[in-house]
Amino acid sequence: MSDTPLLPADEVGFTIDADERVWPTVSVDAASHPGVADLARVHAVEGVGDVRTTARRIDGPAGALFLLGVTLSTPVRASFAVRFDLPAHREFLEAVAGVGHLVVATPDPGEVEHDRPLWLAVDLDGPALREVLDA
């Protein structure tokens, strides 16, 4: 994972779509990683493709971290990881595990209302995520 961008979770929350479905959403700053910032557009144009996720918990003296790795093999090859702090993001991550998906927002949340940017939605294995979270 050394070449994989590690993006801290800036803000977490929930987005409600036009069909009133709730989508756990994390915003990350991908400005220095244009390949990651462009993934939502690529998937909107080329299709969802193949997305895999991994979860890892790291306990240390300063607290616990939860890393969610995202790897795409089609339509492009890319990977990144989102770093969540525990216990601050635990309730949010439990919600992610409960619904089995996460939206990754790369633009500035303040610009969303005007720009209507594309975001990357990822399906994941909720029970596996919860198992790592509870480890």
N, C-alpha and C. Protein backbone atom coordinates (compact mmCIF):
# COMPACT_ATOMS: atom_id res chain seq x y z
N MET A 1 0.81 -1.19 0.00
CA MET A 1 0.00 0.00 0.00
C MET A 1 0.85 1.26 0.00
N SER A 2 2.16 1.15 -0.14
CA SER A 2 3.03 2.31 -0.04
C SER A 2 2.80 3.32 -1.16
N ASP A 3 2.43 2.88 -2.37
CA ASP A 3 2.15 3.78 -3.47
C ASP A 3 0.69 4.22 -3.51
N THR A 4 -0.09 3.69 -2.63
CA THR A 4 -1.51 3.99 -2.59
C THR A 4 -1.74 5.27 -1.79
N PRO A 5 -2.42 6.26 -2.39
CA PRO A 5 -2.71 7.48 -1.62
C PRO A 5 -3.55 7.16 -0.38
N LEU A 6 -3.13 7.72 0.74
CA LEU A 6 -3.85 7.57 1.99
C LEU A 6 -4.52 8.91 2.28
N LEU A 7 -5.84 8.94 2.20
CA LEU A 7 -6.61 10.17 2.31
C LEU A 7 -7.37 10.20 3.63
N PRO A 8 -7.07 11.16 4.49
CA PRO A 8 -7.82 11.25 5.75
C PRO A 8 -9.29 11.59 5.49
N ALA A 9 -10.17 11.03 6.28
CA ALA A 9 -11.58 11.37 6.22
C ALA A 9 -11.74 12.77 6.77
N ASP A 10 -12.07 13.72 5.89
CA ASP A 10 -12.23 15.11 6.34
C ASP A 10 -13.55 15.30 7.07
N GLU A 11 -14.62 14.92 6.41
CA GLU A 11 -15.95 15.05 7.01
C GLU A 11 -16.73 13.79 6.70
N VAL A 12 -17.59 13.40 7.60
CA VAL A 12 -18.49 12.26 7.36
C VAL A 12 -19.92 12.72 7.61
N GLY A 13 -20.83 12.08 6.91
CA GLY A 13 -22.23 12.43 7.06
C GLY A 13 -23.08 11.53 6.18
N PHE A 14 -24.28 11.97 5.87
CA PHE A 14 -25.20 11.16 5.09
C PHE A 14 -25.82 12.01 4.00
N THR A 15 -25.90 11.45 2.81
CA THR A 15 -26.53 12.10 1.67
C THR A 15 -27.83 11.37 1.39
N ILE A 16 -28.88 12.11 1.13
CA ILE A 16 -30.16 11.50 0.78
C ILE A 16 -30.42 11.81 -0.69
N ASP A 17 -30.60 10.77 -1.50
CA ASP A 17 -30.79 10.98 -2.94
C ASP A 17 -32.26 11.27 -3.26
N ALA A 18 -32.55 11.45 -4.54
CA ALA A 18 -33.91 11.81 -4.99
C ALA A 18 -34.94 10.74 -4.63
N ASP A 19 -34.49 9.49 -4.48
CA ASP A 19 -35.40 8.40 -4.10
C ASP A 19 -35.46 8.21 -2.59
N GLU A 20 -34.89 9.15 -1.84
CA GLU A 20 -34.86 9.15 -0.39
C GLU A 20 -34.05 8.00 0.21
N ARG A 21 -33.09 7.47 -0.57
CA ARG A 21 -32.15 6.49 -0.03
C ARG A 21 -31.03 7.23 0.70
N VAL A 22 -30.60 6.66 1.79
CA VAL A 22 -29.55 7.26 2.61
C VAL A 22 -28.20 6.65 2.22
N TRP A 23 -27.25 7.51 1.95
CA TRP A 23 -25.91 7.09 1.54
C TRP A 23 -24.88 7.66 2.51
N PRO A 24 -24.22 6.81 3.32
CA PRO A 24 -23.13 7.32 4.14
C PRO A 24 -22.08 7.94 3.21
N THR A 25 -21.61 9.12 3.56
CA THR A 25 -20.72 9.88 2.67
C THR A 25 -19.52 10.40 3.44
N VAL A 26 -18.34 10.21 2.87
CA VAL A 26 -17.11 10.75 3.44
C VAL A 26 -16.50 11.69 2.42
N SER A 27 -16.06 12.85 2.87
CA SER A 27 -15.35 13.74 1.96
C SER A 27 -13.86 13.64 2.26
N VAL A 28 -13.10 13.62 1.18
CA VAL A 28 -11.64 13.53 1.28
C VAL A 28 -11.04 14.60 0.36
N ASP A 29 -9.84 15.03 0.69
CA ASP A 29 -9.14 15.99 -0.14
C ASP A 29 -8.23 15.22 -1.09
N ALA A 30 -8.65 15.14 -2.35
CA ALA A 30 -7.87 14.41 -3.35
C ALA A 30 -7.17 15.36 -4.32
N ALA A 31 -7.04 16.63 -3.95
CA ALA A 31 -6.46 17.64 -4.84
C ALA A 31 -5.05 17.27 -5.30
N SER A 32 -4.27 16.64 -4.44
CA SER A 32 -2.91 16.27 -4.83
C SER A 32 -2.85 14.88 -5.47
N HIS A 33 -4.00 14.28 -5.70
CA HIS A 33 -4.10 12.97 -6.35
C HIS A 33 -5.16 13.04 -7.45
N PRO A 34 -4.83 13.66 -8.58
CA PRO A 34 -5.83 13.87 -9.63
C PRO A 34 -6.45 12.58 -10.16
N GLY A 35 -5.71 11.48 -10.14
CA GLY A 35 -6.26 10.21 -10.59
C GLY A 35 -7.40 9.74 -9.70
N VAL A 36 -7.29 9.98 -8.41
CA VAL A 36 -8.36 9.63 -7.47
C VAL A 36 -9.52 10.61 -7.63
N ALA A 37 -9.19 11.89 -7.76
CA ALA A 37 -10.24 12.91 -7.90
C ALA A 37 -11.09 12.69 -9.13
N ASP A 38 -10.55 12.06 -10.16
CA ASP A 38 -11.25 11.87 -11.43
C ASP A 38 -12.03 10.55 -11.51
N LEU A 39 -11.92 9.71 -10.50
CA LEU A 39 -12.54 8.39 -10.57
C LEU A 39 -14.05 8.42 -10.73
N ALA A 40 -14.73 9.33 -10.05
CA ALA A 40 -16.19 9.39 -10.16
C ALA A 40 -16.60 9.71 -11.59
N ARG A 41 -15.90 10.64 -12.24
CA ARG A 41 -16.22 10.99 -13.62
C ARG A 41 -15.98 9.80 -14.55
N VAL A 42 -14.87 9.12 -14.37
CA VAL A 42 -14.55 7.95 -15.20
C VAL A 42 -15.63 6.89 -15.06
N HIS A 43 -16.04 6.61 -13.85
CA HIS A 43 -17.07 5.59 -13.64
C HIS A 43 -18.43 6.03 -14.18
N ALA A 44 -18.72 7.32 -14.14
CA ALA A 44 -19.99 7.81 -14.71
C ALA A 44 -20.00 7.65 -16.23
N VAL A 45 -18.85 7.83 -16.87
CA VAL A 45 -18.76 7.75 -18.32
C VAL A 45 -18.58 6.30 -18.79
N GLU A 46 -17.72 5.56 -18.12
CA GLU A 46 -17.33 4.21 -18.56
C GLU A 46 -18.11 3.08 -17.90
N GLY A 47 -18.82 3.37 -16.84
CA GLY A 47 -19.52 2.32 -16.11
C GLY A 47 -18.81 2.01 -14.80
N VAL A 48 -19.50 1.29 -13.95
CA VAL A 48 -18.98 1.03 -12.61
C VAL A 48 -17.70 0.21 -12.63
N GLY A 49 -17.63 -0.83 -13.44
CA GLY A 49 -16.43 -1.64 -13.49
C GLY A 49 -16.26 -2.53 -12.28
N ASP A 50 -15.03 -2.85 -11.96
CA ASP A 50 -14.71 -3.77 -10.87
C ASP A 50 -14.07 -3.00 -9.73
N VAL A 51 -14.74 -2.99 -8.59
CA VAL A 51 -14.25 -2.28 -7.41
C VAL A 51 -14.17 -3.27 -6.26
N ARG A 52 -13.03 -3.31 -5.60
CA ARG A 52 -12.85 -4.16 -4.40
C ARG A 52 -12.48 -3.27 -3.23
N THR A 53 -12.91 -3.67 -2.06
CA THR A 53 -12.54 -2.93 -0.85
C THR A 53 -11.89 -3.87 0.16
N THR A 54 -11.04 -3.29 0.97
CA THR A 54 -10.43 -4.01 2.08
C THR A 54 -10.55 -3.13 3.32
N ALA A 55 -10.51 -3.75 4.48
CA ALA A 55 -10.59 -3.01 5.72
C ALA A 55 -9.49 -3.48 6.65
N ARG A 56 -8.92 -2.52 7.35
CA ARG A 56 -7.84 -2.85 8.29
C ARG A 56 -7.91 -1.90 9.48
N ARG A 57 -7.79 -2.47 10.64
CA ARG A 57 -7.76 -1.67 11.87
C ARG A 57 -6.34 -1.68 12.41
N ILE A 58 -5.87 -0.51 12.82
CA ILE A 58 -4.52 -0.39 13.38
C ILE A 58 -4.65 0.26 14.75
N ASP A 59 -4.29 -0.49 15.79
CA ASP A 59 -4.33 0.03 17.15
C ASP A 59 -2.92 0.47 17.54
N GLY A 60 -2.82 1.67 18.10
CA GLY A 60 -1.52 2.18 18.50
C GLY A 60 -1.64 3.01 19.76
N PRO A 61 -0.51 3.49 20.25
CA PRO A 61 -0.53 4.26 21.51
C PRO A 61 -1.32 5.57 21.40
N ALA A 62 -1.41 6.13 20.21
CA ALA A 62 -2.14 7.39 20.03
C ALA A 62 -3.62 7.15 19.75
N GLY A 63 -4.04 5.91 19.66
CA GLY A 63 -5.43 5.59 19.36
C GLY A 63 -5.52 4.61 18.21
N ALA A 64 -6.72 4.37 17.77
CA ALA A 64 -6.94 3.39 16.70
C ALA A 64 -7.29 4.10 15.40
N LEU A 65 -6.86 3.48 14.32
CA LEU A 65 -7.19 3.95 12.97
C LEU A 65 -7.91 2.84 12.24
N PHE A 66 -8.75 3.22 11.32
CA PHE A 66 -9.44 2.26 10.47
C PHE A 66 -9.15 2.68 9.03
N LEU A 67 -8.55 1.77 8.27
CA LEU A 67 -8.21 2.06 6.87
C LEU A 67 -9.15 1.29 5.96
N LEU A 68 -9.80 2.02 5.06
CA LEU A 68 -10.65 1.40 4.06
C LEU A 68 -9.96 1.55 2.72
N GLY A 69 -9.48 0.43 2.19
CA GLY A 69 -8.80 0.43 0.90
C GLY A 69 -9.80 0.22 -0.22
N VAL A 70 -9.63 0.96 -1.30
CA VAL A 70 -10.49 0.83 -2.48
C VAL A 70 -9.57 0.60 -3.68
N THR A 71 -9.82 -0.51 -4.40
CA THR A 71 -9.03 -0.85 -5.57
C THR A 71 -9.96 -1.04 -6.75
N LEU A 72 -9.66 -0.36 -7.84
CA LEU A 72 -10.45 -0.47 -9.07
C LEU A 72 -9.56 -1.10 -10.14
N SER A 73 -10.12 -2.07 -10.86
CA SER A 73 -9.35 -2.70 -11.93
C SER A 73 -9.94 -2.40 -13.31
N THR A 74 -11.22 -2.04 -13.36
CA THR A 74 -11.83 -1.59 -14.61
C THR A 74 -12.85 -0.53 -14.27
N PRO A 75 -13.10 0.44 -15.04
CA PRO A 75 -12.53 0.70 -16.36
C PRO A 75 -11.11 1.26 -16.32
N VAL A 76 -10.62 1.63 -15.12
CA VAL A 76 -9.23 2.07 -14.97
C VAL A 76 -8.64 1.34 -13.78
N ARG A 77 -7.33 1.34 -13.72
CA ARG A 77 -6.64 0.78 -12.55
C ARG A 77 -6.27 1.92 -11.62
N ALA A 78 -6.74 1.80 -10.40
CA ALA A 78 -6.46 2.83 -9.40
C ALA A 78 -6.69 2.26 -8.02
N SER A 79 -6.06 2.87 -7.04
CA SER A 79 -6.32 2.48 -5.66
C SER A 79 -6.06 3.67 -4.75
N PHE A 80 -6.76 3.65 -3.64
CA PHE A 80 -6.56 4.64 -2.60
C PHE A 80 -7.11 4.06 -1.31
N ALA A 81 -6.79 4.69 -0.20
CA ALA A 81 -7.33 4.28 1.09
C ALA A 81 -7.81 5.52 1.83
N VAL A 82 -8.88 5.34 2.58
CA VAL A 82 -9.41 6.41 3.41
C VAL A 82 -9.10 6.06 4.86
N ARG A 83 -8.54 7.03 5.57
CA ARG A 83 -8.17 6.82 6.98
C ARG A 83 -9.22 7.45 7.88
N PHE A 84 -9.80 6.61 8.72
CA PHE A 84 -10.78 7.06 9.70
C PHE A 84 -10.16 6.94 11.09
N ASP A 85 -10.48 7.87 11.96
CA ASP A 85 -10.01 7.82 13.34
C ASP A 85 -11.08 7.15 14.20
N LEU A 86 -10.62 6.24 15.04
CA LEU A 86 -11.51 5.61 16.01
C LEU A 86 -11.15 6.16 17.38
N PRO A 87 -12.06 6.41 18.23
CA PRO A 87 -13.47 6.10 18.15
C PRO A 87 -14.31 7.18 17.46
N ALA A 88 -13.74 8.29 17.04
CA ALA A 88 -14.52 9.41 16.49
C ALA A 88 -15.45 9.00 15.34
N HIS A 89 -14.99 8.10 14.47
CA HIS A 89 -15.78 7.72 13.30
C HIS A 89 -16.45 6.35 13.44
N ARG A 90 -16.41 5.78 14.62
CA ARG A 90 -16.96 4.43 14.79
C ARG A 90 -18.44 4.35 14.45
N GLU A 91 -19.25 5.24 14.97
CA GLU A 91 -20.69 5.20 14.70
C GLU A 91 -20.96 5.33 13.20
N PHE A 92 -20.23 6.20 12.53
CA PHE A 92 -20.38 6.35 11.08
C PHE A 92 -20.01 5.05 10.37
N LEU A 93 -18.89 4.45 10.75
CA LEU A 93 -18.45 3.20 10.10
C LEU A 93 -19.43 2.06 10.36
N GLU A 94 -20.06 2.04 11.52
CA GLU A 94 -21.09 1.04 11.78
C GLU A 94 -22.27 1.24 10.84
N ALA A 95 -22.62 2.49 10.56
CA ALA A 95 -23.70 2.77 9.60
C ALA A 95 -23.30 2.32 8.20
N VAL A 96 -22.04 2.54 7.82
CA VAL A 96 -21.54 2.08 6.52
C VAL A 96 -21.68 0.56 6.43
N ALA A 97 -21.25 -0.13 7.47
CA ALA A 97 -21.35 -1.59 7.49
C ALA A 97 -22.80 -2.05 7.40
N GLY A 98 -23.70 -1.31 8.03
CA GLY A 98 -25.11 -1.68 8.04
C GLY A 98 -25.77 -1.59 6.68
N VAL A 99 -25.37 -0.61 5.86
CA VAL A 99 -25.99 -0.45 4.54
C VAL A 99 -25.16 -1.06 3.41
N GLY A 100 -23.88 -1.32 3.67
CA GLY A 100 -23.05 -2.00 2.67
C GLY A 100 -22.57 -1.13 1.52
N HIS A 101 -22.56 0.19 1.72
CA HIS A 101 -21.99 1.06 0.70
C HIS A 101 -21.53 2.37 1.31
N LEU A 102 -20.67 3.05 0.55
CA LEU A 102 -20.10 4.31 0.99
C LEU A 102 -19.93 5.20 -0.23
N VAL A 103 -20.24 6.47 -0.08
CA VAL A 103 -20.00 7.46 -1.12
C VAL A 103 -18.74 8.22 -0.73
N VAL A 104 -17.81 8.34 -1.68
CA VAL A 104 -16.58 9.09 -1.47
C VAL A 104 -16.69 10.38 -2.27
N ALA A 105 -16.70 11.49 -1.57
CA ALA A 105 -16.82 12.81 -2.20
C ALA A 105 -15.44 13.47 -2.20
N THR A 106 -14.96 13.83 -3.37
CA THR A 106 -13.64 14.45 -3.46
C THR A 106 -13.65 15.96 -3.58
N PRO A 107 -14.76 16.60 -3.97
CA PRO A 107 -14.71 18.07 -4.05
C PRO A 107 -14.94 18.72 -2.70
N ASP A 108 -14.68 19.99 -2.63
CA ASP A 108 -14.94 20.77 -1.43
C ASP A 108 -16.44 20.75 -1.15
N PRO A 109 -16.86 20.31 0.05
CA PRO A 109 -18.29 20.24 0.34
C PRO A 109 -19.02 21.57 0.16
N GLY A 110 -18.32 22.69 0.33
CA GLY A 110 -18.93 23.99 0.16
C GLY A 110 -19.32 24.29 -1.28
N GLU A 111 -18.69 23.60 -2.24
CA GLU A 111 -18.97 23.84 -3.65
C GLU A 111 -20.06 22.92 -4.20
N VAL A 112 -20.49 21.96 -3.43
CA VAL A 112 -21.40 20.93 -3.91
C VAL A 112 -22.74 21.49 -4.36
N GLU A 113 -23.29 22.41 -3.60
CA GLU A 113 -24.62 22.94 -3.92
C GLU A 113 -24.64 23.61 -5.29
N HIS A 114 -23.56 24.25 -5.68
CA HIS A 114 -23.53 24.98 -6.95
C HIS A 114 -23.03 24.13 -8.11
N ASP A 115 -22.03 23.29 -7.86
CA ASP A 115 -21.37 22.55 -8.95
C ASP A 115 -22.02 21.21 -9.28
N ARG A 116 -22.73 20.60 -8.35
CA ARG A 116 -23.32 19.27 -8.53
C ARG A 116 -22.29 18.26 -9.06
N PRO A 117 -21.21 18.06 -8.32
CA PRO A 117 -20.15 17.16 -8.79
C PRO A 117 -20.57 15.70 -8.71
N LEU A 118 -19.82 14.86 -9.41
CA LEU A 118 -20.01 13.42 -9.33
C LEU A 118 -19.24 12.89 -8.13
N TRP A 119 -19.80 11.90 -7.46
CA TRP A 119 -19.12 11.26 -6.34
C TRP A 119 -19.00 9.79 -6.65
N LEU A 120 -18.04 9.14 -6.02
CA LEU A 120 -17.78 7.72 -6.24
C LEU A 120 -18.51 6.90 -5.18
N ALA A 121 -19.45 6.06 -5.61
CA ALA A 121 -20.17 5.18 -4.69
C ALA A 121 -19.54 3.79 -4.75
N VAL A 122 -19.25 3.24 -3.58
CA VAL A 122 -18.61 1.93 -3.51
C VAL A 122 -19.45 0.99 -2.67
N ASP A 123 -19.69 -0.21 -3.21
CA ASP A 123 -20.34 -1.26 -2.43
C ASP A 123 -19.25 -2.00 -1.66
N LEU A 124 -19.59 -2.47 -0.49
CA LEU A 124 -18.62 -3.22 0.30
C LEU A 124 -19.32 -4.30 1.12
N ASP A 125 -18.53 -5.17 1.66
CA ASP A 125 -19.03 -6.28 2.47
C ASP A 125 -19.22 -5.79 3.90
N GLY A 126 -20.46 -5.43 4.24
CA GLY A 126 -20.76 -4.88 5.55
C GLY A 126 -20.35 -5.76 6.71
N PRO A 127 -20.71 -7.07 6.70
CA PRO A 127 -20.30 -7.93 7.82
C PRO A 127 -18.77 -8.04 7.96
N ALA A 128 -18.04 -8.07 6.85
CA ALA A 128 -16.57 -8.14 6.94
C ALA A 128 -16.02 -6.84 7.52
N LEU A 129 -16.59 -5.71 7.11
CA LEU A 129 -16.16 -4.42 7.64
C LEU A 129 -16.41 -4.37 9.16
N ARG A 130 -17.58 -4.80 9.57
CA ARG A 130 -17.92 -4.79 10.99
C ARG A 130 -16.97 -5.71 11.79
N GLU A 131 -16.61 -6.84 11.21
CA GLU A 131 -15.71 -7.77 11.88
C GLU A 131 -14.35 -7.12 12.14
N VAL A 132 -13.83 -6.39 11.15
CA VAL A 132 -12.55 -5.70 11.33
C VAL A 132 -12.71 -4.55 12.33
N LEU A 133 -13.80 -3.86 12.25
CA LEU A 133 -14.07 -2.74 13.15
C LEU A 133 -14.09 -3.21 14.61
N ASP A 134 -14.66 -4.39 14.84
CA ASP A 134 -14.80 -4.92 16.19
C ASP A 134 -13.57 -5.67 16.69
N ALA A 135 -12.58 -5.85 15.83
CA ALA A 135 -11.38 -6.62 16.22
C ALA A 135 -10.62 -5.96 17.35
